[in-house]
Amino acid sequence: MIYCVIPRELADELYDKMVDYYKDNPNVTVIVDRREGRDRRNEGDQRLEDKERRSIRDRRRAHPGTFPDTDPPEE
């Protein structure tokens, strides 16, 4: 599914045009962005509890073992 997101400020002039443009493509849905409030994604003031709780881990398992000899076979 592909979403064509129309900013709220341009919804009056673009929404109907974009719906008509994508009417033959069932994989595209036209929506109007209705979010309100501030964008919290880039806030630098995280709480101390959140900074301490968050950890990044390497989820790959270690594979201990031995490697076979790479010497050429003796003739």
N, C-alpha and C. Protein backbone atom coordinates (compact mmCIF):
# COMPACT_ATOMS: atom_id res chain seq x y z
N MET A 1 0.85 -1.17 0.00
CA MET A 1 0.00 0.00 0.00
C MET A 1 0.89 1.23 0.00
N ILE A 2 0.57 2.18 -0.83
CA ILE A 2 1.28 3.45 -0.93
C ILE A 2 0.32 4.54 -0.50
N TYR A 3 0.78 5.41 0.40
CA TYR A 3 -0.04 6.52 0.84
C TYR A 3 0.46 7.82 0.23
N CYS A 4 -0.43 8.53 -0.40
CA CYS A 4 -0.13 9.87 -0.90
C CYS A 4 -0.66 10.83 0.16
N VAL A 5 0.23 11.46 0.91
CA VAL A 5 -0.16 12.30 2.03
C VAL A 5 -0.21 13.75 1.59
N ILE A 6 -1.36 14.36 1.78
CA ILE A 6 -1.59 15.75 1.41
C ILE A 6 -1.50 16.60 2.68
N PRO A 7 -0.68 17.65 2.69
CA PRO A 7 -0.64 18.53 3.86
C PRO A 7 -2.01 19.21 4.06
N ARG A 8 -2.36 19.43 5.30
CA ARG A 8 -3.66 20.01 5.62
C ARG A 8 -3.87 21.35 4.92
N GLU A 9 -2.80 22.14 4.81
CA GLU A 9 -2.93 23.47 4.19
C GLU A 9 -3.30 23.38 2.71
N LEU A 10 -2.93 22.29 2.05
CA LEU A 10 -3.20 22.15 0.61
C LEU A 10 -4.35 21.19 0.31
N ALA A 11 -5.01 20.70 1.32
CA ALA A 11 -6.05 19.69 1.13
C ALA A 11 -7.20 20.19 0.25
N ASP A 12 -7.61 21.43 0.42
CA ASP A 12 -8.74 21.95 -0.36
C ASP A 12 -8.48 21.93 -1.85
N GLU A 13 -7.25 22.26 -2.24
CA GLU A 13 -6.97 22.34 -3.68
C GLU A 13 -6.39 21.05 -4.27
N LEU A 14 -5.77 20.20 -3.44
CA LEU A 14 -5.10 19.02 -3.99
C LEU A 14 -5.81 17.69 -3.79
N TYR A 15 -6.60 17.55 -2.74
CA TYR A 15 -7.15 16.24 -2.40
C TYR A 15 -7.96 15.64 -3.56
N ASP A 16 -8.92 16.37 -4.07
CA ASP A 16 -9.76 15.84 -5.15
C ASP A 16 -8.95 15.55 -6.41
N LYS A 17 -7.96 16.39 -6.71
CA LYS A 17 -7.12 16.16 -7.89
C LYS A 17 -6.31 14.88 -7.74
N MET A 18 -5.75 14.65 -6.55
CA MET A 18 -4.92 13.47 -6.36
C MET A 18 -5.75 12.19 -6.32
N VAL A 19 -6.95 12.25 -5.76
CA VAL A 19 -7.84 11.09 -5.76
C VAL A 19 -8.18 10.73 -7.20
N ASP A 20 -8.48 11.73 -8.01
CA ASP A 20 -8.80 11.49 -9.41
C ASP A 20 -7.58 10.94 -10.16
N TYR A 21 -6.39 11.46 -9.84
CA TYR A 21 -5.16 11.03 -10.51
C TYR A 21 -4.86 9.56 -10.22
N TYR A 22 -5.07 9.13 -8.99
CA TYR A 22 -4.75 7.76 -8.60
C TYR A 22 -5.94 6.81 -8.58
N LYS A 23 -7.06 7.21 -9.17
CA LYS A 23 -8.26 6.37 -9.10
C LYS A 23 -8.08 5.01 -9.76
N ASP A 24 -7.20 4.89 -10.74
CA ASP A 24 -6.99 3.62 -11.44
C ASP A 24 -5.91 2.76 -10.79
N ASN A 25 -5.27 3.25 -9.75
CA ASN A 25 -4.21 2.50 -9.09
C ASN A 25 -4.71 2.06 -7.71
N PRO A 26 -5.05 0.77 -7.56
CA PRO A 26 -5.59 0.31 -6.26
C PRO A 26 -4.55 0.26 -5.15
N ASN A 27 -3.28 0.42 -5.49
CA ASN A 27 -2.23 0.36 -4.47
C ASN A 27 -1.96 1.71 -3.82
N VAL A 28 -2.63 2.77 -4.28
CA VAL A 28 -2.39 4.11 -3.75
C VAL A 28 -3.64 4.60 -3.03
N THR A 29 -3.44 5.09 -1.81
CA THR A 29 -4.51 5.71 -1.04
C THR A 29 -4.11 7.14 -0.75
N VAL A 30 -5.00 8.07 -1.03
CA VAL A 30 -4.73 9.48 -0.78
C VAL A 30 -5.32 9.84 0.58
N ILE A 31 -4.49 10.44 1.44
CA ILE A 31 -4.95 10.83 2.77
C ILE A 31 -4.52 12.26 3.05
N VAL A 32 -5.21 12.90 4.01
CA VAL A 32 -4.87 14.26 4.44
C VAL A 32 -4.19 14.14 5.80
N ASP A 33 -3.06 14.82 5.94
CA ASP A 33 -2.32 14.81 7.20
C ASP A 33 -3.08 15.66 8.21
N ARG A 34 -3.57 15.04 9.26
CA ARG A 34 -4.36 15.75 10.26
C ARG A 34 -3.66 15.82 11.62
N ARG A 35 -2.37 15.58 11.63
CA ARG A 35 -1.64 15.63 12.91
C ARG A 35 -1.61 17.05 13.44
N GLU A 36 -1.64 17.15 14.75
CA GLU A 36 -1.58 18.45 15.41
C GLU A 36 -0.51 18.39 16.48
N GLY A 37 -0.05 19.54 16.90
CA GLY A 37 0.93 19.60 17.97
C GLY A 37 2.34 19.63 17.43
N ARG A 38 3.27 19.64 18.35
CA ARG A 38 4.67 19.76 17.96
C ARG A 38 5.23 18.41 17.52
N ASP A 39 6.28 18.47 16.75
CA ASP A 39 6.97 17.27 16.28
C ASP A 39 7.95 16.85 17.38
N ARG A 40 7.72 15.71 17.99
CA ARG A 40 8.53 15.29 19.13
C ARG A 40 9.68 14.38 18.74
N ARG A 41 9.86 14.11 17.47
CA ARG A 41 10.92 13.19 17.05
C ARG A 41 12.31 13.73 17.32
N ASN A 42 12.52 15.02 17.19
CA ASN A 42 13.86 15.59 17.29
C ASN A 42 14.12 16.30 18.60
N GLU A 43 13.36 15.99 19.63
CA GLU A 43 13.58 16.65 20.90
C GLU A 43 14.87 16.13 21.53
N GLY A 44 15.73 17.05 21.93
CA GLY A 44 16.99 16.66 22.53
C GLY A 44 16.90 16.48 24.03
N ASP A 45 15.81 16.92 24.63
CA ASP A 45 15.67 16.84 26.08
C ASP A 45 14.95 15.57 26.47
N GLN A 46 15.68 14.47 26.49
CA GLN A 46 15.11 13.22 26.95
C GLN A 46 15.20 13.17 28.45
N ARG A 47 14.28 12.46 29.03
CA ARG A 47 14.35 12.28 30.47
C ARG A 47 15.52 11.36 30.80
N LEU A 48 16.09 11.54 31.95
CA LEU A 48 17.24 10.74 32.37
C LEU A 48 16.87 9.27 32.45
N GLU A 49 15.65 8.97 32.89
CA GLU A 49 15.22 7.56 33.00
C GLU A 49 15.20 6.91 31.62
N ASP A 50 14.76 7.66 30.61
CA ASP A 50 14.69 7.10 29.26
C ASP A 50 16.09 6.85 28.69
N LYS A 51 17.03 7.75 28.97
CA LYS A 51 18.39 7.57 28.47
C LYS A 51 19.04 6.35 29.09
N GLU A 52 18.82 6.15 30.38
CA GLU A 52 19.45 5.03 31.06
C GLU A 52 18.80 3.70 30.69
N ARG A 53 17.52 3.71 30.44
CA ARG A 53 16.80 2.48 30.15
C ARG A 53 17.10 1.99 28.73
N ARG A 54 17.35 2.88 27.82
CA ARG A 54 17.53 2.50 26.43
C ARG A 54 18.93 1.93 26.22
N SER A 55 18.97 0.78 25.60
CA SER A 55 20.27 0.18 25.30
C SER A 55 20.20 -0.44 23.91
N ILE A 56 21.32 -0.42 23.24
CA ILE A 56 21.41 -1.00 21.91
C ILE A 56 22.24 -2.27 22.05
N ARG A 57 21.68 -3.37 21.56
CA ARG A 57 22.37 -4.63 21.69
C ARG A 57 22.63 -5.23 20.33
N ASP A 58 23.65 -6.03 20.27
CA ASP A 58 23.93 -6.79 19.07
C ASP A 58 23.25 -8.13 19.24
N ARG A 59 22.24 -8.39 18.44
CA ARG A 59 21.44 -9.60 18.62
C ARG A 59 22.01 -10.81 17.91
N ARG A 60 23.08 -10.62 17.18
CA ARG A 60 23.66 -11.77 16.49
C ARG A 60 24.33 -12.69 17.50
N ARG A 61 24.10 -13.97 17.34
CA ARG A 61 24.73 -14.93 18.25
C ARG A 61 26.18 -15.13 17.86
N ALA A 62 26.99 -15.35 18.87
CA ALA A 62 28.38 -15.69 18.61
C ALA A 62 28.43 -17.16 18.20
N HIS A 63 29.24 -17.48 17.25
CA HIS A 63 29.37 -18.86 16.77
C HIS A 63 30.78 -19.36 17.07
N PRO A 64 30.99 -19.79 18.30
CA PRO A 64 32.33 -20.29 18.62
C PRO A 64 32.57 -21.61 17.91
N GLY A 65 33.80 -21.85 17.60
CA GLY A 65 34.12 -23.11 16.93
C GLY A 65 35.51 -23.06 16.37
N THR A 66 35.83 -24.07 15.62
CA THR A 66 37.15 -24.15 15.01
C THR A 66 37.01 -24.14 13.51
N PHE A 67 38.06 -23.76 12.87
CA PHE A 67 38.09 -23.73 11.42
C PHE A 67 38.90 -24.93 10.92
N PRO A 68 38.52 -25.49 9.79
CA PRO A 68 39.30 -26.61 9.26
C PRO A 68 40.67 -26.13 8.77
N ASP A 69 41.59 -27.06 8.69
CA ASP A 69 42.93 -26.73 8.17
C ASP A 69 42.84 -26.30 6.73
N THR A 70 43.66 -25.34 6.38
CA THR A 70 43.64 -24.85 5.01
C THR A 70 44.91 -25.26 4.26
N ASP A 71 45.68 -26.15 4.87
CA ASP A 71 46.89 -26.62 4.18
C ASP A 71 46.48 -27.51 3.02
N PRO A 72 47.23 -27.44 1.90
CA PRO A 72 46.92 -28.32 0.76
C PRO A 72 47.16 -29.78 1.12
N PRO A 73 46.42 -30.69 0.54
CA PRO A 73 46.62 -32.11 0.86
C PRO A 73 48.01 -32.58 0.43
N GLU A 74 48.58 -33.48 1.24
CA GLU A 74 49.91 -34.01 0.92
C GLU A 74 49.81 -35.07 -0.16
N GLU A 75 50.78 -35.12 -1.04
CA GLU A 75 50.76 -36.10 -2.13
C GLU A 75 51.69 -37.24 -1.87
